[in-house]
Amino acid sequence: MNELFDIAKLNTLSPEKGLALISEPFNEDKYFQRAVVCLCEHNDKGSFGYVVNNILDVKLTELIPTIKSDEFKVGLGGPVSPNNLYYMHTLGEEIEGSVEVKKGLYTGGNFDQVTTLINTGLIANHQIQFFLGYSGWSSGQLEDEITRNSWIVSQFEVTDVMERNDEDYWKNILEAKGGKFQLIANFPLNPSLN
């Protein structure tokens, strides 16, 4: 296999909590095509995270009528429990029960507090991101997928996750990595059409 296409060889990081998973360019899975996943947990029992760049045409107010602000969009976090709402935020201890993903980024916490903070204008859309469903892997499954060239493991900045609304997010994050990643970023979505 050409080294350029052996994504596993381009991985210099092992998966861990607080890193990003960038899907390989030809993944046709409807959940993971050109996806960037924020990995919120990774241990010997398995892994979970949220696809951060699959924004739905749904506003939070459509799902939670008690929310009074239309500025919050919802993403499709993955195929597991797609009828449940999840969230990541930068508010830390301001939301009881939050779990730190990495410095400055948290998941979960008391939803009643979140609702109150939104309705009183104390949370802006760049401080919290909502998802329907999440992405999950059983023990060893993610490592196997990485070995099979499905994912590039990468660092990311918290602001990259919280400002995810760019439709070229997948491409931009690869281009920022430089080198061979810039070439991968420019692969066509469907190479048979070239």
C-alpha atoms as a PDB file:
ATOM      1  CA  MET A   1       0.000   0.000   0.000  1.00  0.00           C
ATOM      2  CA  ASN A   2       1.253   3.496  -0.839  1.00  0.00           C
ATOM      3  CA  GLU A   3       2.464   5.173   2.369  1.00  0.00           C
ATOM      4  CA  LEU A   4       0.307   8.234   1.653  1.00  0.00           C
ATOM      5  CA  PHE A   5      -2.822   6.111   1.869  1.00  0.00           C
ATOM      6  CA  ASP A   6      -1.671   4.087   4.895  1.00  0.00           C
ATOM      7  CA  ILE A   7      -3.278   6.436   7.390  1.00  0.00           C
ATOM      8  CA  ALA A   8      -2.313   4.167  10.297  1.00  0.00           C
ATOM      9  CA  LYS A   9       1.344   5.034   9.592  1.00  0.00           C
ATOM     10  CA  LEU A  10       0.533   8.742   9.745  1.00  0.00           C
ATOM     11  CA  ASN A  11      -0.836   8.366  13.276  1.00  0.00           C
ATOM     12  CA  THR A  12       1.738   9.470  15.812  1.00  0.00           C
ATOM     13  CA  LEU A  13      -0.764   9.549  18.675  1.00  0.00           C
ATOM     14  CA  SER A  14      -2.702   6.776  20.351  1.00  0.00           C
ATOM     15  CA  PRO A  15      -6.382   7.415  21.054  1.00  0.00           C
ATOM     16  CA  GLU A  16      -7.090   9.004  24.414  1.00  0.00           C
ATOM     17  CA  LYS A  17      -9.607  11.223  26.116  1.00  0.00           C
ATOM     18  CA  GLY A  18      -9.386  14.786  24.836  1.00  0.00           C
ATOM     19  CA  LEU A  19      -8.066  14.007  21.349  1.00  0.00           C
ATOM     20  CA  ALA A  20      -9.820  14.192  17.980  1.00  0.00           C
ATOM     21  CA  LEU A  21     -10.536  11.367  15.568  1.00  0.00           C
ATOM     22  CA  ILE A  22     -10.554  12.460  11.923  1.00  0.00           C
ATOM     23  CA  SER A  23     -12.215  10.019   9.527  1.00  0.00           C
ATOM     24  CA  GLU A  24     -10.339   8.701   6.513  1.00  0.00           C
ATOM     25  CA  PRO A  25     -11.315  10.499   3.289  1.00  0.00           C
ATOM     26  CA  PHE A  26     -13.268   7.692   1.616  1.00  0.00           C
ATOM     27  CA  ASN A  27     -15.432   6.609   4.540  1.00  0.00           C
ATOM     28  CA  GLU A  28     -18.983   6.293   3.194  1.00  0.00           C
ATOM     29  CA  ASP A  29     -20.715   5.636   6.530  1.00  0.00           C
ATOM     30  CA  LYS A  30     -23.491   8.227   6.877  1.00  0.00           C
ATOM     31  CA  TYR A  31     -22.423   9.028  10.450  1.00  0.00           C
ATOM     32  CA  PHE A  32     -18.689   9.245   9.869  1.00  0.00           C
ATOM     33  CA  GLN A  33     -18.167  10.507   6.313  1.00  0.00           C
ATOM     34  CA  ARG A  34     -15.649  13.366   6.634  1.00  0.00           C
ATOM     35  CA  ALA A  35     -16.295  13.380  10.389  1.00  0.00           C
ATOM     36  CA  VAL A  36     -14.276  14.839  13.228  1.00  0.00           C
ATOM     37  CA  VAL A  37     -15.013  13.205  16.580  1.00  0.00           C
ATOM     38  CA  CYS A  38     -14.072  14.693  19.940  1.00  0.00           C
ATOM     39  CA  LEU A  39     -13.046  11.695  22.035  1.00  0.00           C
ATOM     40  CA  CYS A  40     -14.574  12.221  25.505  1.00  0.00           C
ATOM     41  CA  GLU A  41     -13.470   8.920  27.047  1.00  0.00           C
ATOM     42  CA  HIS A  42     -11.087   6.135  26.129  1.00  0.00           C
ATOM     43  CA  ASN A  43     -10.130   3.283  28.422  1.00  0.00           C
ATOM     44  CA  ASP A  44      -9.939  -0.518  28.496  1.00  0.00           C
ATOM     45  CA  LYS A  45     -13.770  -0.740  28.605  1.00  0.00           C
ATOM     46  CA  GLY A  46     -14.277   1.267  25.417  1.00  0.00           C
ATOM     47  CA  SER A  47     -14.538   4.780  24.038  1.00  0.00           C
ATOM     48  CA  PHE A  48     -17.117   7.457  23.309  1.00  0.00           C
ATOM     49  CA  GLY A  49     -17.243  10.893  21.766  1.00  0.00           C
ATOM     50  CA  TYR A  50     -19.273  13.222  19.576  1.00  0.00           C
ATOM     51  CA  VAL A  51     -19.073  13.986  15.869  1.00  0.00           C
ATOM     52  CA  VAL A  52     -18.610  17.739  16.065  1.00  0.00           C
ATOM     53  CA  ASN A  53     -19.069  18.707  12.420  1.00  0.00           C
ATOM     54  CA  ASN A  54     -22.395  17.111  11.470  1.00  0.00           C
ATOM     55  CA  ILE A  55     -24.786  19.984  12.159  1.00  0.00           C
ATOM     56  CA  LEU A  56     -28.468  19.176  11.755  1.00  0.00           C
ATOM     57  CA  ASP A  57     -31.148  21.505  10.461  1.00  0.00           C
ATOM     58  CA  VAL A  58     -32.701  21.483  13.922  1.00  0.00           C
ATOM     59  CA  LYS A  59     -32.712  24.130  16.610  1.00  0.00           C
ATOM     60  CA  LEU A  60     -32.555  23.284  20.281  1.00  0.00           C
ATOM     61  CA  THR A  61     -35.933  24.980  20.839  1.00  0.00           C
ATOM     62  CA  GLU A  62     -37.552  22.365  18.593  1.00  0.00           C
ATOM     63  CA  LEU A  63     -36.348  19.594  20.905  1.00  0.00           C
ATOM     64  CA  ILE A  64     -36.648  21.366  24.257  1.00  0.00           C
ATOM     65  CA  PRO A  65     -39.592  23.796  24.224  1.00  0.00           C
ATOM     66  CA  THR A  66     -38.580  25.291  27.593  1.00  0.00           C
ATOM     67  CA  ILE A  67     -35.437  26.741  25.955  1.00  0.00           C
ATOM     68  CA  LYS A  68     -36.142  30.336  24.933  1.00  0.00           C
ATOM     69  CA  SER A  69     -33.196  31.027  22.608  1.00  0.00           C
ATOM     70  CA  ASP A  70     -33.041  30.078  18.919  1.00  0.00           C
ATOM     71  CA  GLU A  71     -29.256  30.548  18.642  1.00  0.00           C
ATOM     72  CA  PHE A  72     -28.350  26.974  19.629  1.00  0.00           C
ATOM     73  CA  LYS A  73     -27.934  24.403  16.877  1.00  0.00           C
ATOM     74  CA  VAL A  74     -27.820  20.642  17.324  1.00  0.00           C
ATOM     75  CA  GLY A  75     -25.392  18.196  15.774  1.00  0.00           C
ATOM     76  CA  LEU A  76     -25.662  14.476  15.133  1.00  0.00           C
ATOM     77  CA  GLY A  77     -23.115  13.157  17.624  1.00  0.00           C
ATOM     78  CA  GLY A  78     -23.213   9.595  16.353  1.00  0.00           C
ATOM     79  CA  PRO A  79     -25.331   6.499  15.867  1.00  0.00           C
ATOM     80  CA  VAL A  80     -25.703   5.480  19.531  1.00  0.00           C
ATOM     81  CA  SER A  81     -28.851   6.715  21.346  1.00  0.00           C
ATOM     82  CA  PRO A  82     -29.810   9.218  18.609  1.00  0.00           C
ATOM     83  CA  ASN A  83     -33.002  10.158  20.475  1.00  0.00           C
ATOM     84  CA  ASN A  84     -31.068  11.441  23.485  1.00  0.00           C
ATOM     85  CA  LEU A  85     -29.589  14.926  23.809  1.00  0.00           C
ATOM     86  CA  TYR A  86     -25.965  15.367  24.957  1.00  0.00           C
ATOM     87  CA  TYR A  87     -23.722  18.399  25.258  1.00  0.00           C
ATOM     88  CA  MET A  88     -20.153  19.621  25.614  1.00  0.00           C
ATOM     89  CA  HIS A  89     -19.301  22.995  27.064  1.00  0.00           C
ATOM     90  CA  THR A  90     -16.587  25.290  28.377  1.00  0.00           C
ATOM     91  CA  LEU A  91     -18.359  26.200  31.623  1.00  0.00           C
ATOM     92  CA  GLY A  92     -16.695  23.675  33.939  1.00  0.00           C
ATOM     93  CA  GLU A  93     -17.809  23.952  37.534  1.00  0.00           C
ATOM     94  CA  GLU A  94     -20.580  26.406  36.663  1.00  0.00           C
ATOM     95  CA  ILE A  95     -22.599  23.323  35.688  1.00  0.00           C
ATOM     96  CA  GLU A  96     -22.767  20.734  38.466  1.00  0.00           C
ATOM     97  CA  GLY A  97     -21.831  17.197  37.501  1.00  0.00           C
ATOM     98  CA  SER A  98     -19.748  18.213  34.469  1.00  0.00           C
ATOM     99  CA  VAL A  99     -16.947  15.840  33.481  1.00  0.00           C
ATOM    100  CA  GLU A 100     -13.686  17.276  32.191  1.00  0.00           C
ATOM    101  CA  VAL A 101     -12.682  16.035  28.726  1.00  0.00           C
ATOM    102  CA  LYS A 102      -9.541  18.171  28.558  1.00  0.00           C
ATOM    103  CA  LYS A 103      -8.500  21.508  30.046  1.00  0.00           C
ATOM    104  CA  GLY A 104     -11.302  23.934  29.267  1.00  0.00           C
ATOM    105  CA  LEU A 105     -13.732  21.381  27.778  1.00  0.00           C
ATOM    106  CA  TYR A 106     -16.421  19.423  29.628  1.00  0.00           C
ATOM    107  CA  THR A 107     -19.315  17.114  28.884  1.00  0.00           C
ATOM    108  CA  GLY A 108     -22.629  16.636  30.653  1.00  0.00           C
ATOM    109  CA  GLY A 109     -23.781  18.150  33.897  1.00  0.00           C
ATOM    110  CA  ASN A 110     -27.055  19.326  35.373  1.00  0.00           C
ATOM    111  CA  PHE A 111     -29.432  20.056  32.481  1.00  0.00           C
ATOM    112  CA  ASP A 112     -31.772  22.194  34.622  1.00  0.00           C
ATOM    113  CA  GLN A 113     -28.825  24.511  35.279  1.00  0.00           C
ATOM    114  CA  VAL A 114     -28.012  24.577  31.562  1.00  0.00           C
ATOM    115  CA  THR A 115     -31.617  25.519  30.742  1.00  0.00           C
ATOM    116  CA  THR A 116     -31.638  28.302  33.353  1.00  0.00           C
ATOM    117  CA  LEU A 117     -28.293  29.693  32.165  1.00  0.00           C
ATOM    118  CA  ILE A 118     -29.466  29.706  28.524  1.00  0.00           C
ATOM    119  CA  ASN A 119     -32.820  31.292  29.340  1.00  0.00           C
ATOM    120  CA  THR A 120     -31.160  34.047  31.383  1.00  0.00           C
ATOM    121  CA  GLY A 121     -28.637  34.770  28.614  1.00  0.00           C
ATOM    122  CA  LEU A 122     -25.638  33.524  30.584  1.00  0.00           C
ATOM    123  CA  ILE A 123     -24.562  30.899  28.026  1.00  0.00           C
ATOM    124  CA  ALA A 124     -23.673  31.799  24.450  1.00  0.00           C
ATOM    125  CA  ASN A 125     -23.695  29.306  21.581  1.00  0.00           C
ATOM    126  CA  HIS A 126     -19.862  29.267  21.431  1.00  0.00           C
ATOM    127  CA  GLN A 127     -19.790  27.985  25.037  1.00  0.00           C
ATOM    128  CA  ILE A 128     -21.962  24.903  24.571  1.00  0.00           C
ATOM    129  CA  GLN A 129     -22.623  22.445  21.750  1.00  0.00           C
ATOM    130  CA  PHE A 130     -25.560  20.030  21.658  1.00  0.00           C
ATOM    131  CA  PHE A 131     -25.731  16.610  20.033  1.00  0.00           C
ATOM    132  CA  LEU A 132     -28.335  13.969  19.316  1.00  0.00           C
ATOM    133  CA  GLY A 133     -26.641  10.635  19.957  1.00  0.00           C
ATOM    134  CA  TYR A 134     -22.993   9.830  20.424  1.00  0.00           C
ATOM    135  CA  SER A 135     -20.276   7.691  18.888  1.00  0.00           C
ATOM    136  CA  GLY A 136     -19.228   4.647  20.879  1.00  0.00           C
ATOM    137  CA  TRP A 137     -16.725   1.825  20.577  1.00  0.00           C
ATOM    138  CA  SER A 138     -16.416  -1.361  22.621  1.00  0.00           C
ATOM    139  CA  SER A 139     -13.127  -2.453  24.158  1.00  0.00           C
ATOM    140  CA  GLY A 140     -10.425  -2.651  21.463  1.00  0.00           C
ATOM    141  CA  GLN A 141     -12.786  -1.652  18.637  1.00  0.00           C
ATOM    142  CA  LEU A 142     -11.394   1.845  18.138  1.00  0.00           C
ATOM    143  CA  GLU A 143      -7.788   0.621  18.083  1.00  0.00           C
ATOM    144  CA  ASP A 144      -8.799  -1.947  15.467  1.00  0.00           C
ATOM    145  CA  GLU A 145     -10.441   0.746  13.313  1.00  0.00           C
ATOM    146  CA  ILE A 146      -7.315   2.918  13.578  1.00  0.00           C
ATOM    147  CA  THR A 147      -5.144  -0.025  12.478  1.00  0.00           C
ATOM    148  CA  ARG A 148      -7.493  -0.485   9.488  1.00  0.00           C
ATOM    149  CA  ASN A 149      -6.921   3.153   8.410  1.00  0.00           C
ATOM    150  CA  SER A 150     -10.351   4.424   9.493  1.00  0.00           C
ATOM    151  CA  TRP A 151      -9.155   7.268  11.734  1.00  0.00           C
ATOM    152  CA  ILE A 152      -6.388   9.800  12.147  1.00  0.00           C
ATOM    153  CA  VAL A 153      -5.768  10.635  15.816  1.00  0.00           C
ATOM    154  CA  SER A 154      -5.051  14.339  16.344  1.00  0.00           C
ATOM    155  CA  GLN A 155      -4.711  17.113  18.885  1.00  0.00           C
ATOM    156  CA  PHE A 156      -7.274  19.894  18.733  1.00  0.00           C
ATOM    157  CA  GLU A 157      -7.965  23.216  20.379  1.00  0.00           C
ATOM    158  CA  VAL A 158     -11.117  23.674  22.443  1.00  0.00           C
ATOM    159  CA  THR A 159     -12.069  26.626  20.233  1.00  0.00           C
ATOM    160  CA  ASP A 160     -11.900  24.282  17.203  1.00  0.00           C
ATOM    161  CA  VAL A 161     -14.657  22.140  18.723  1.00  0.00           C
ATOM    162  CA  MET A 162     -16.817  24.973  19.969  1.00  0.00           C
ATOM    163  CA  GLU A 163     -16.712  26.848  16.632  1.00  0.00           C
ATOM    164  CA  ARG A 164     -17.623  23.842  14.485  1.00  0.00           C
ATOM    165  CA  ASN A 165     -20.078  25.449  12.083  1.00  0.00           C
ATOM    166  CA  ASP A 166     -17.755  25.586   9.065  1.00  0.00           C
ATOM    167  CA  GLU A 167     -18.850  23.060   6.415  1.00  0.00           C
ATOM    168  CA  ASP A 168     -15.162  22.587   5.497  1.00  0.00           C
ATOM    169  CA  TYR A 169     -14.209  21.707   9.077  1.00  0.00           C
ATOM    170  CA  TRP A 170     -12.850  18.235   8.189  1.00  0.00           C
ATOM    171  CA  LYS A 171     -10.726  19.649   5.370  1.00  0.00           C
ATOM    172  CA  ASN A 172      -9.504  22.619   7.407  1.00  0.00           C
ATOM    173  CA  ILE A 173      -8.391  20.536  10.378  1.00  0.00           C
ATOM    174  CA  LEU A 174      -6.366  18.235   8.085  1.00  0.00           C
ATOM    175  CA  GLU A 175      -4.813  21.143   6.186  1.00  0.00           C
ATOM    176  CA  ALA A 176      -3.753  22.724   9.482  1.00  0.00           C
ATOM    177  CA  LYS A 177      -1.808  19.546  10.296  1.00  0.00           C
ATOM    178  CA  GLY A 178       0.346  20.138   7.183  1.00  0.00           C
ATOM    179  CA  GLY A 179       2.470  17.687   5.195  1.00  0.00           C
ATOM    180  CA  LYS A 180       0.729  14.595   3.812  1.00  0.00           C
ATOM    181  CA  PHE A 181      -2.410  15.565   5.703  1.00  0.00           C
ATOM    182  CA  GLN A 182      -2.843  18.522   3.315  1.00  0.00           C
ATOM    183  CA  LEU A 183      -2.956  16.071   0.415  1.00  0.00           C
ATOM    184  CA  ILE A 184      -5.543  13.909   2.180  1.00  0.00           C
ATOM    185  CA  ALA A 185      -7.654  17.014   2.881  1.00  0.00           C
ATOM    186  CA  ASN A 186      -7.991  17.603  -0.853  1.00  0.00           C
ATOM    187  CA  PHE A 187      -9.057  14.083  -1.844  1.00  0.00           C
ATOM    188  CA  PRO A 188     -12.401  14.229  -3.681  1.00  0.00           C
ATOM    189  CA  LEU A 189     -15.455  12.979  -1.839  1.00  0.00           C
ATOM    190  CA  ASN A 190     -16.120  10.500  -4.616  1.00  0.00           C
ATOM    191  CA  PRO A 191     -12.880   9.692  -6.499  1.00  0.00           C
ATOM    192  CA  SER A 192     -14.758   7.747  -9.218  1.00  0.00           C
ATOM    193  CA  LEU A 193     -16.280  11.018 -10.446  1.00  0.00           C
ATOM    194  CA  ASN A 194     -12.832  12.433 -11.378  1.00  0.00           C
END
